[in-house]
Amino acid sequence: MVNIICEVSKYLIIFFMLLYTIKCFTIMTTSDEDKKRRKLNMQIVYVFIIHFLCYLALYLRMGSMKMLVFYGVQIFVAVFYMIVFHSIYKDSSRLITNNTAFLLLIGYTILTRLDFDLAIKQFIFATVGLAVTAFIPFIMNKWRNLRKYGVFYGVVGIIILLSVWVPGLGIVRYGSRNWIHIGNFTLQPMEFVKIIFVMFVASMLVKANTFGDLFVNAVISASYMGVLVLEKDLGAAVIFYLTYVFMVYLATSRPFYLIGGVGLGVLAVVAGYILFKDSLFHHVVTRVEAWKDPFKYIDTGGYQVSQSLFAMGTGGYVGTGLANGRANTIPVSESDFIFAAICEEMGVIFGLALILVIISIFISFVNVAMKSRKAFYKYIAFGYASIYIIQAFLNIGGVTKFIPSTGVTLPLVSYGVSSVLSTLIIFSIIQGVCVISNKEAEKNEKEKARIRAIKEQQLYTATDSYQQG
């Protein structure tokens, strides 16, 4: 009976995941507010059905009462967050809030399967993050001069990045010196610096009027990449660089900067790999060799990628079912390779749908950016949208052997305190831009209505005077 229930739930999870994914796109194309509200409500229903079926399968397979309690607490926090957030910020995006809850719940689910203690830890920090970042839209709405602190952002960002070189503070992991140890916690400064970096670039682009201004901005931004290269954190360097190129392209609308920037980046990566692979980037060489032929190096550097490919191949289109596979044998499956664990036990169809959800989030972020009339808010929203999609691409691309593994996490799904907190900050800043833009649009509409009323009154007065005369 247990096998039958788990097998049926596996297919139902995929079915409702597809419905949720479709809603992510149809909501953005719906202009009628009543229809949009109904679709958003149905989307929440799909989320809770998927979550319930996942924990039902986990409980039947693993038989832990703690999971049921954990499930109930997750539902309470998710419902409380969505209700309270939109009660406070009526002009915020419900689609973004729904997707935030969805990604977190999927992350808790797969982490519960892989390591229950890590799932608890992730949940605690994410819940604290939701509570703290909920104040960000309020702060942004009250403090409208954030664009004036470009130099401050630049200096603070570099200082935080350099903190990994402080003796006794910095830690080397997986070949990169990009972690710091404080008390019982380890943090990745890059995750928070990328938020400051976007603020810095946006502030400088708002002020840039000449090519010289762009050049100075590029030099300072390059210093960020230089520090990341010295830390051997090339995944982060790619995220920073591409985000900068995309933001400059948005600000200038010149294809030259986009094509030239991407081309220059490719040349720099190739040149750096050839010139410094033996002295600086030995772990990168290992990852590149594993990418070229993981099965040739399956006993050494190719083991991770090989196990990832085996897992996805074993799961097939519909997966083995939660707790019915060997997802926990994938190295670093709780963070860097969590997508492989999802595909093995929840199916490649579920994994493809998850990719589409991630793409829809990126599109919704870009929509928020394009609706903003103020350049600074437009730039930061687009910058964070770029960071989000680039990081997701690097993670999933490395897991699927599309590109060499870069060691970055899948935002809000992978385990990682730094990653989850920084992503929640990004999502809240996007919501802040959305709130400000919607309020400005409402204000403009009211002003237009007032002007129309004045003109109509003037026309009526003039007509009445003419008739009396």
Protein backbone atom coordinates (compact mmCIF):
# COMPACT_ATOMS: atom_id res chain seq x y z
CA MET A 1 0.00 0.00 0.00
CA VAL A 2 2.85 2.37 0.85
CA ASN A 3 4.45 1.74 -2.54
CA ILE A 4 1.17 2.45 -4.34
CA ILE A 5 0.61 5.74 -2.48
CA CYS A 6 4.20 6.86 -3.10
CA GLU A 7 4.00 5.93 -6.77
CA VAL A 8 0.73 7.80 -7.29
CA SER A 9 2.01 10.84 -5.37
CA LYS A 10 5.11 10.90 -7.60
CA TYR A 11 2.99 11.44 -10.70
CA LEU A 12 0.69 13.88 -8.94
CA ILE A 13 3.67 15.98 -7.88
CA ILE A 14 4.80 16.25 -11.50
CA PHE A 15 1.25 17.08 -12.65
CA PHE A 16 0.77 19.90 -10.16
CA MET A 17 4.32 21.13 -10.79
CA LEU A 18 3.43 21.54 -14.46
CA LEU A 19 0.26 23.43 -13.53
CA TYR A 20 2.26 25.71 -11.23
CA THR A 21 4.81 26.37 -13.96
CA ILE A 22 2.13 27.27 -16.50
CA LYS A 23 0.58 29.70 -14.01
CA CYS A 24 3.97 31.43 -13.59
CA PHE A 25 3.81 32.55 -17.21
CA THR A 26 0.08 33.05 -17.74
CA ILE A 27 -0.13 35.35 -14.71
CA MET A 28 2.33 37.75 -16.34
CA THR A 29 0.21 37.95 -19.50
CA THR A 30 -3.09 38.53 -17.69
CA SER A 31 -4.23 42.14 -17.50
CA ASP A 32 -7.56 41.59 -15.76
CA GLU A 33 -6.94 41.97 -12.03
CA ASP A 34 -9.68 39.55 -10.95
CA LYS A 35 -8.36 36.79 -13.24
CA LYS A 36 -4.82 37.47 -12.07
CA ARG A 37 -5.87 37.22 -8.42
CA ARG A 38 -7.62 33.90 -9.05
CA LYS A 39 -4.56 32.52 -10.83
CA LEU A 40 -2.28 33.63 -8.00
CA ASN A 41 -4.57 31.93 -5.47
CA MET A 42 -4.56 28.71 -7.51
CA GLN A 43 -0.79 28.91 -7.69
CA ILE A 44 -0.63 28.89 -3.89
CA VAL A 45 -2.94 25.86 -3.83
CA TYR A 46 -0.60 24.02 -6.21
CA VAL A 47 2.38 24.86 -4.00
CA PHE A 48 0.76 23.39 -0.90
CA ILE A 49 -0.44 20.29 -2.77
CA ILE A 50 3.08 19.62 -4.07
CA HIS A 51 4.54 20.21 -0.62
CA PHE A 52 1.97 17.95 1.06
CA LEU A 53 2.53 15.09 -1.41
CA CYS A 54 6.30 15.37 -1.00
CA TYR A 55 6.16 15.11 2.79
CA LEU A 56 3.56 12.35 2.59
CA ALA A 57 6.01 10.29 0.53
CA LEU A 58 8.91 11.17 2.84
CA TYR A 59 6.93 10.17 5.92
CA LEU A 60 5.78 6.87 4.42
CA ARG A 61 9.30 6.03 3.28
CA MET A 62 11.26 7.28 6.29
CA GLY A 63 8.62 7.13 9.06
CA SER A 64 9.76 10.06 11.20
CA MET A 65 7.20 12.02 13.24
CA LYS A 66 9.65 14.93 13.34
CA MET A 67 9.04 15.37 9.63
CA LEU A 68 5.32 15.87 10.19
CA VAL A 69 5.98 18.56 12.80
CA PHE A 70 8.53 20.18 10.51
CA TYR A 71 6.00 20.07 7.66
CA GLY A 72 3.37 21.85 9.76
CA VAL A 73 5.77 24.58 10.86
CA GLN A 74 6.82 25.20 7.25
CA ILE A 75 3.21 25.64 6.16
CA PHE A 76 2.52 28.04 9.03
CA VAL A 77 5.53 30.22 8.21
CA ALA A 78 4.78 30.23 4.46
CA VAL A 79 1.12 31.22 4.95
CA PHE A 80 1.98 33.80 7.60
CA TYR A 81 4.68 35.33 5.38
CA MET A 82 2.47 35.64 2.31
CA ILE A 83 -0.51 37.07 4.20
CA VAL A 84 1.43 39.55 6.33
CA PHE A 85 3.75 40.71 3.54
CA HIS A 86 0.89 41.62 1.22
CA SER A 87 -1.13 43.13 4.03
CA ILE A 88 1.73 45.56 4.63
CA TYR A 89 2.85 46.05 1.02
CA LYS A 90 -0.31 46.09 -1.08
CA ASP A 91 1.64 47.26 -4.13
CA SER A 92 4.13 44.38 -4.02
CA SER A 93 4.22 41.48 -6.45
CA ARG A 94 2.31 38.41 -5.28
CA LEU A 95 3.94 36.37 -8.03
CA ILE A 96 7.39 37.03 -6.58
CA THR A 97 6.15 36.19 -3.08
CA ASN A 98 4.58 32.94 -4.30
CA ASN A 99 7.79 31.95 -6.06
CA THR A 100 9.86 32.81 -2.99
CA ALA A 101 7.75 30.49 -0.84
CA PHE A 102 7.76 27.81 -3.53
CA LEU A 103 11.55 27.69 -3.93
CA LEU A 104 12.11 27.67 -0.17
CA LEU A 105 9.61 24.82 0.32
CA ILE A 106 11.19 22.77 -2.47
CA GLY A 107 14.58 23.36 -0.88
CA TYR A 108 13.34 22.26 2.56
CA THR A 109 11.80 19.15 1.00
CA ILE A 110 14.88 17.87 -0.77
CA LEU A 111 17.10 18.81 2.19
CA THR A 112 14.78 16.85 4.50
CA ARG A 113 15.39 13.88 2.25
CA LEU A 114 19.17 14.37 2.18
CA ASP A 115 19.98 15.62 5.70
CA PHE A 116 17.21 16.48 8.16
CA ASP A 117 19.52 18.52 10.41
CA LEU A 118 20.58 20.71 7.50
CA ALA A 119 16.92 21.18 6.53
CA ILE A 120 16.15 22.43 10.05
CA LYS A 121 19.12 24.78 9.99
CA GLN A 122 18.17 26.11 6.56
CA PHE A 123 14.59 26.66 7.69
CA ILE A 124 15.63 28.59 10.81
CA PHE A 125 17.96 30.96 8.97
CA ALA A 126 15.54 31.40 6.06
CA THR A 127 12.69 32.25 8.46
CA VAL A 128 14.86 34.81 10.23
CA GLY A 129 15.83 36.12 6.79
CA LEU A 130 12.19 36.47 5.74
CA ALA A 131 11.43 38.44 8.91
CA VAL A 132 14.43 40.77 8.59
CA THR A 133 14.24 41.38 4.84
CA ALA A 134 10.52 42.18 5.10
CA PHE A 135 11.59 45.65 6.30
CA ILE A 136 13.62 46.38 3.14
CA PRO A 137 10.73 47.72 1.00
CA PHE A 138 9.73 50.02 3.88
CA ILE A 139 13.29 51.33 4.20
CA MET A 140 13.56 51.86 0.44
CA ASN A 141 10.28 53.73 0.38
CA LYS A 142 11.34 56.05 3.20
CA TRP A 143 14.97 56.46 2.20
CA ARG A 144 14.93 57.63 -1.42
CA ASN A 145 18.54 58.82 -1.74
CA LEU A 146 20.25 55.41 -1.95
CA ARG A 147 21.74 56.33 -5.33
CA LYS A 148 23.93 59.03 -3.77
CA TYR A 149 26.32 56.64 -2.04
CA GLY A 150 28.14 55.13 -5.01
CA VAL A 151 31.66 55.67 -3.64
CA PHE A 152 30.60 54.31 -0.25
CA TYR A 153 29.22 51.14 -1.85
CA GLY A 154 32.41 50.68 -3.84
CA VAL A 155 34.74 51.00 -0.85
CA VAL A 156 32.65 48.86 1.52
CA GLY A 157 32.28 46.10 -1.07
CA ILE A 158 36.04 45.84 -1.62
CA ILE A 159 36.74 45.85 2.12
CA ILE A 160 34.27 43.02 2.73
CA LEU A 161 35.74 41.00 -0.14
CA LEU A 162 39.24 41.45 1.28
CA SER A 163 38.11 40.16 4.69
CA VAL A 164 38.93 36.59 3.59
CA TRP A 165 42.61 37.52 3.73
CA VAL A 166 42.50 38.52 7.39
CA PRO A 167 44.62 35.97 9.35
CA GLY A 168 42.46 33.60 11.37
CA LEU A 169 39.31 34.75 9.62
CA GLY A 170 39.55 33.50 6.03
CA ILE A 171 39.03 29.84 5.11
CA VAL A 172 39.99 27.86 2.00
CA ARG A 173 37.29 25.50 0.68
CA TYR A 174 37.30 23.49 -2.52
CA GLY A 175 40.40 25.34 -3.70
CA SER A 176 38.99 28.85 -3.20
CA ARG A 177 39.69 31.29 -0.38
CA ASN A 178 36.21 32.77 -0.25
CA TRP A 179 34.87 31.95 3.23
CA ILE A 180 35.25 33.55 6.65
CA HIS A 181 34.78 31.90 10.03
CA ILE A 182 33.09 33.88 12.80
CA GLY A 183 32.35 32.00 16.02
CA ASN A 184 30.27 28.96 15.13
CA PHE A 185 29.30 30.32 11.71
CA THR A 186 30.97 30.30 8.33
CA LEU A 187 29.90 32.89 5.78
CA GLN A 188 30.71 33.62 2.16
CA PRO A 189 31.31 37.40 1.88
CA MET A 190 30.83 37.31 -1.91
CA GLU A 191 27.14 36.52 -1.47
CA PHE A 192 26.56 39.86 0.26
CA VAL A 193 29.10 41.85 -1.73
CA LYS A 194 27.21 41.10 -4.97
CA ILE A 195 24.28 43.06 -3.50
CA ILE A 196 26.55 46.03 -2.73
CA PHE A 197 28.23 45.68 -6.12
CA VAL A 198 24.95 46.17 -8.01
CA MET A 199 24.14 49.22 -5.87
CA PHE A 200 27.59 50.63 -6.65
CA VAL A 201 27.34 50.05 -10.41
CA ALA A 202 23.80 51.46 -10.56
CA SER A 203 24.82 54.58 -8.61
CA MET A 204 27.78 55.22 -10.90
CA LEU A 205 25.80 54.58 -14.10
CA VAL A 206 23.18 57.12 -13.06
CA LYS A 207 25.93 59.74 -12.84
CA ALA A 208 27.83 58.62 -15.95
CA ASN A 209 27.54 61.10 -18.81
CA THR A 210 30.68 60.38 -20.85
CA PHE A 211 32.86 57.47 -21.93
CA GLY A 212 35.36 58.59 -19.32
CA ASP A 213 32.80 58.11 -16.57
CA LEU A 214 32.11 54.60 -17.84
CA PHE A 215 35.85 53.90 -17.95
CA VAL A 216 36.34 54.92 -14.30
CA ASN A 217 33.34 52.78 -13.34
CA ALA A 218 34.81 49.85 -15.29
CA VAL A 219 38.20 50.17 -13.56
CA ILE A 220 36.66 50.14 -10.08
CA SER A 221 34.37 47.25 -11.02
CA ALA A 222 37.36 45.37 -12.41
CA SER A 223 39.01 45.59 -8.98
CA TYR A 224 36.14 43.47 -7.62
CA MET A 225 36.80 40.81 -10.26
CA GLY A 226 40.52 41.01 -9.56
CA VAL A 227 40.01 40.26 -5.86
CA LEU A 228 37.71 37.35 -6.71
CA VAL A 229 40.29 35.93 -9.13
CA LEU A 230 42.96 36.15 -6.41
CA GLU A 231 40.57 34.28 -4.13
CA LYS A 232 40.27 31.70 -6.95
CA ASP A 233 36.50 32.14 -6.85
CA LEU A 234 36.02 32.18 -10.61
CA GLY A 235 32.31 31.37 -10.44
CA ALA A 236 31.70 34.58 -8.50
CA ALA A 237 33.97 36.52 -10.86
CA VAL A 238 31.85 35.40 -13.81
CA ILE A 239 28.65 36.46 -12.02
CA PHE A 240 30.06 39.92 -11.21
CA TYR A 241 31.49 40.45 -14.68
CA LEU A 242 28.42 39.45 -16.68
CA THR A 243 26.15 41.41 -14.36
CA TYR A 244 28.27 44.50 -14.93
CA VAL A 245 28.21 44.04 -18.71
CA PHE A 246 24.43 43.59 -18.75
CA MET A 247 23.87 46.68 -16.58
CA VAL A 248 26.09 48.83 -18.80
CA TYR A 249 24.21 47.61 -21.85
CA LEU A 250 20.89 48.53 -20.23
CA ALA A 251 22.19 51.99 -19.32
CA THR A 252 23.69 52.75 -22.75
CA SER A 253 21.48 50.67 -25.10
CA ARG A 254 24.60 50.08 -27.22
CA PRO A 255 25.15 46.51 -28.49
CA PHE A 256 28.87 47.27 -28.68
CA TYR A 257 29.18 47.12 -24.89
CA LEU A 258 27.27 43.84 -24.69
CA ILE A 259 29.05 42.04 -27.53
CA GLY A 260 32.44 43.54 -26.72
CA GLY A 261 32.06 42.87 -22.99
CA VAL A 262 31.08 39.24 -23.42
CA GLY A 263 33.79 38.71 -26.03
CA LEU A 264 36.45 40.30 -23.82
CA GLY A 265 35.32 38.14 -20.92
CA VAL A 266 35.66 34.96 -22.98
CA LEU A 267 39.16 35.96 -24.10
CA ALA A 268 40.16 36.74 -20.50
CA VAL A 269 38.91 33.35 -19.28
CA VAL A 270 40.76 31.46 -22.04
CA ALA A 271 43.96 33.46 -21.57
CA GLY A 272 43.85 33.09 -17.79
CA TYR A 273 43.32 29.35 -18.06
CA ILE A 274 46.25 28.92 -20.45
CA LEU A 275 48.70 31.21 -18.65
CA PHE A 276 47.94 30.52 -14.98
CA LYS A 277 46.41 27.05 -14.85
CA ASP A 278 49.53 25.50 -13.32
CA SER A 279 50.22 28.26 -10.80
CA LEU A 280 46.86 29.60 -9.63
CA PHE A 281 43.94 27.52 -10.81
CA HIS A 282 44.75 23.86 -10.29
CA HIS A 283 41.21 23.15 -9.01
CA VAL A 284 39.80 24.89 -12.10
CA VAL A 285 41.90 22.65 -14.35
CA THR A 286 40.47 19.64 -12.53
CA ARG A 287 36.92 20.88 -13.13
CA VAL A 288 37.58 21.57 -16.81
CA GLU A 289 39.04 18.11 -17.33
CA ALA A 290 36.06 16.61 -15.52
CA TRP A 291 33.75 18.61 -17.78
CA LYS A 292 35.47 17.38 -20.94
CA ASP A 293 35.34 13.71 -19.98
CA PRO A 294 34.04 13.01 -16.45
CA PHE A 295 34.10 9.24 -16.87
CA LYS A 296 37.80 9.28 -17.72
CA TYR A 297 38.49 10.86 -14.33
CA ILE A 298 35.68 9.15 -12.46
CA ASP A 299 37.99 8.05 -9.64
CA THR A 300 39.29 11.58 -9.07
CA GLY A 301 38.07 14.97 -10.27
CA GLY A 302 35.27 13.63 -12.44
CA TYR A 303 33.50 11.73 -9.66
CA GLN A 304 31.04 14.53 -8.83
CA VAL A 305 29.88 15.13 -12.38
CA SER A 306 29.76 11.41 -13.14
CA GLN A 307 27.56 10.71 -10.12
CA SER A 308 25.35 13.65 -11.09
CA LEU A 309 24.84 12.28 -14.59
CA PHE A 310 24.24 8.77 -13.24
CA ALA A 311 21.64 10.14 -10.84
CA MET A 312 19.69 12.03 -13.49
CA GLY A 313 19.87 9.06 -15.84
CA THR A 314 18.66 6.71 -13.11
CA GLY A 315 15.73 8.95 -12.23
CA GLY A 316 14.58 9.36 -15.82
CA TYR A 317 11.60 11.49 -16.72
CA VAL A 318 9.48 10.81 -13.62
CA GLY A 319 12.14 10.03 -10.99
CA THR A 320 12.56 7.17 -8.57
CA GLY A 321 10.34 8.85 -5.97
CA LEU A 322 11.41 10.74 -2.85
CA ALA A 323 13.58 8.63 -0.52
CA ASN A 324 13.53 5.83 -3.07
CA GLY A 325 16.78 6.65 -4.83
CA ARG A 326 20.42 7.24 -3.94
CA ALA A 327 20.47 11.01 -4.12
CA ASN A 328 22.47 11.31 -0.90
CA THR A 329 25.43 9.52 -2.54
CA ILE A 330 26.00 12.47 -4.90
CA PRO A 331 28.92 14.55 -3.55
CA VAL A 332 27.79 17.92 -2.15
CA SER A 333 24.22 17.04 -3.14
CA GLU A 334 22.82 19.38 -0.50
CA SER A 335 24.31 22.49 -2.12
CA ASP A 336 26.20 22.57 -5.43
CA PHE A 337 24.58 19.41 -6.88
CA ILE A 338 21.11 19.64 -5.41
CA PHE A 339 19.55 19.86 -8.87
CA ALA A 340 20.85 16.37 -9.65
CA ALA A 341 19.25 15.04 -6.45
CA ILE A 342 15.95 16.68 -7.43
CA CYS A 343 16.05 15.16 -10.92
CA GLU A 344 16.89 11.68 -9.63
CA GLU A 345 14.05 11.38 -7.15
CA MET A 346 11.48 13.86 -8.48
CA GLY A 347 12.17 13.38 -12.18
CA VAL A 348 13.74 15.21 -15.10
CA ILE A 349 10.29 16.58 -16.01
CA PHE A 350 10.11 18.18 -12.56
CA GLY A 351 13.66 19.49 -13.06
CA LEU A 352 12.80 21.04 -16.42
CA ALA A 353 9.69 22.63 -14.92
CA LEU A 354 11.86 24.03 -12.12
CA ILE A 355 14.14 25.61 -14.74
CA LEU A 356 11.10 27.22 -16.36
CA VAL A 357 9.98 28.57 -12.96
CA ILE A 358 13.45 30.08 -12.51
CA ILE A 359 13.21 31.67 -15.96
CA SER A 360 9.78 33.07 -15.11
CA ILE A 361 11.22 34.64 -11.94
CA PHE A 362 13.91 36.29 -14.03
CA ILE A 363 11.27 37.62 -16.43
CA SER A 364 9.18 38.97 -13.55
CA PHE A 365 12.28 40.73 -12.17
CA VAL A 366 12.98 42.28 -15.58
CA ASN A 367 9.35 43.40 -15.79
CA VAL A 368 9.75 45.19 -12.47
CA ALA A 369 12.92 46.85 -13.77
CA MET A 370 11.32 47.98 -17.03
CA LYS A 371 8.29 49.47 -15.25
CA SER A 372 10.46 51.64 -13.03
CA ARG A 373 10.72 55.24 -14.26
CA LYS A 374 13.74 56.10 -12.15
CA ALA A 375 17.05 54.98 -13.63
CA PHE A 376 18.63 53.90 -10.35
CA TYR A 377 15.80 51.53 -9.45
CA LYS A 378 15.67 50.25 -13.02
CA TYR A 379 19.38 49.44 -12.93
CA ILE A 380 19.42 47.70 -9.57
CA ALA A 381 16.35 45.58 -10.39
CA PHE A 382 17.89 44.52 -13.69
CA GLY A 383 21.24 43.92 -12.01
CA TYR A 384 19.71 41.60 -9.43
CA ALA A 385 17.71 39.84 -12.14
CA SER A 386 21.00 39.24 -13.97
CA ILE A 387 22.72 37.92 -10.85
CA TYR A 388 19.84 35.54 -10.19
CA ILE A 389 19.66 34.01 -13.67
CA ILE A 390 23.45 33.83 -14.13
CA GLN A 391 23.89 32.03 -10.80
CA ALA A 392 21.09 29.59 -11.61
CA PHE A 393 22.62 28.96 -15.05
CA LEU A 394 26.08 28.32 -13.61
CA ASN A 395 24.70 25.89 -11.03
CA ILE A 396 22.43 23.89 -13.34
CA GLY A 397 24.92 24.07 -16.20
CA GLY A 398 27.64 22.56 -14.02
CA VAL A 399 25.38 19.80 -12.71
CA THR A 400 24.24 18.78 -16.20
CA LYS A 401 27.76 19.01 -17.73
CA PHE A 402 26.71 21.86 -19.98
CA ILE A 403 29.57 23.95 -18.57
CA PRO A 404 32.38 23.22 -16.06
CA SER A 405 31.22 23.20 -12.45
CA THR A 406 31.74 26.57 -10.76
CA GLY A 407 30.73 25.74 -7.19
CA VAL A 408 27.83 28.20 -6.93
CA THR A 409 24.51 27.34 -5.31
CA LEU A 410 20.99 27.18 -6.74
CA PRO A 411 19.32 30.26 -5.17
CA LEU A 412 16.83 29.49 -2.34
CA VAL A 413 16.97 25.75 -3.08
CA SER A 414 20.53 24.72 -2.23
CA TYR A 415 21.70 24.59 1.36
CA GLY A 416 23.77 27.60 2.35
CA VAL A 417 23.12 30.28 4.93
CA SER A 418 24.97 33.01 3.02
CA SER A 419 23.27 32.14 -0.26
CA VAL A 420 19.75 32.00 1.18
CA LEU A 421 20.07 35.25 3.14
CA SER A 422 21.59 37.17 0.23
CA THR A 423 18.93 35.88 -2.19
CA LEU A 424 16.13 36.87 0.19
CA ILE A 425 17.66 40.35 0.37
CA ILE A 426 17.68 40.51 -3.43
CA PHE A 427 14.05 39.38 -3.67
CA SER A 428 13.03 41.99 -1.08
CA ILE A 429 14.88 44.77 -2.89
CA ILE A 430 13.04 43.79 -6.08
CA GLN A 431 9.80 43.98 -4.11
CA GLY A 432 10.85 47.40 -2.85
CA VAL A 433 11.37 48.61 -6.42
CA CYS A 434 7.98 47.14 -7.34
CA VAL A 435 6.25 48.96 -4.46
CA ILE A 436 7.91 52.29 -5.31
CA SER A 437 7.12 51.94 -9.03
CA ASN A 438 3.48 51.02 -8.44
CA LYS A 439 3.00 53.91 -6.01
CA GLU A 440 4.54 56.32 -8.49
CA ALA A 441 2.28 54.95 -11.24
CA GLU A 442 -0.78 55.40 -9.00
CA LYS A 443 0.33 58.91 -8.14
CA ASN A 444 0.79 59.77 -11.83
CA GLU A 445 -2.64 58.37 -12.68
CA LYS A 446 -4.23 60.45 -9.93
CA GLU A 447 -2.40 63.54 -11.16
CA LYS A 448 -3.56 62.89 -14.73
CA ALA A 449 -7.12 62.40 -13.49
CA ARG A 450 -6.91 65.67 -11.53
CA ILE A 451 -5.64 67.55 -14.59
CA ARG A 452 -8.39 66.04 -16.74
CA ALA A 453 -10.99 67.09 -14.17
CA ILE A 454 -9.61 70.66 -14.12
CA LYS A 455 -9.67 70.86 -17.91
CA GLU A 456 -13.20 69.49 -18.05
CA GLN A 457 -14.29 72.01 -15.42
CA GLN A 458 -12.63 74.83 -17.33
CA LEU A 459 -14.30 73.68 -20.55
CA TYR A 460 -17.66 73.46 -18.81
CA THR A 461 -17.23 76.95 -17.34
CA ALA A 462 -16.21 78.39 -20.67
CA THR A 463 -19.14 76.75 -22.44
CA ASP A 464 -21.59 77.92 -19.78
CA SER A 465 -20.26 81.53 -20.01
CA TYR A 466 -20.56 81.43 -23.78
CA GLN A 467 -24.17 80.23 -23.61
CA GLN A 468 -25.09 82.90 -21.08
CA GLY A 469 -23.43 85.55 -23.20
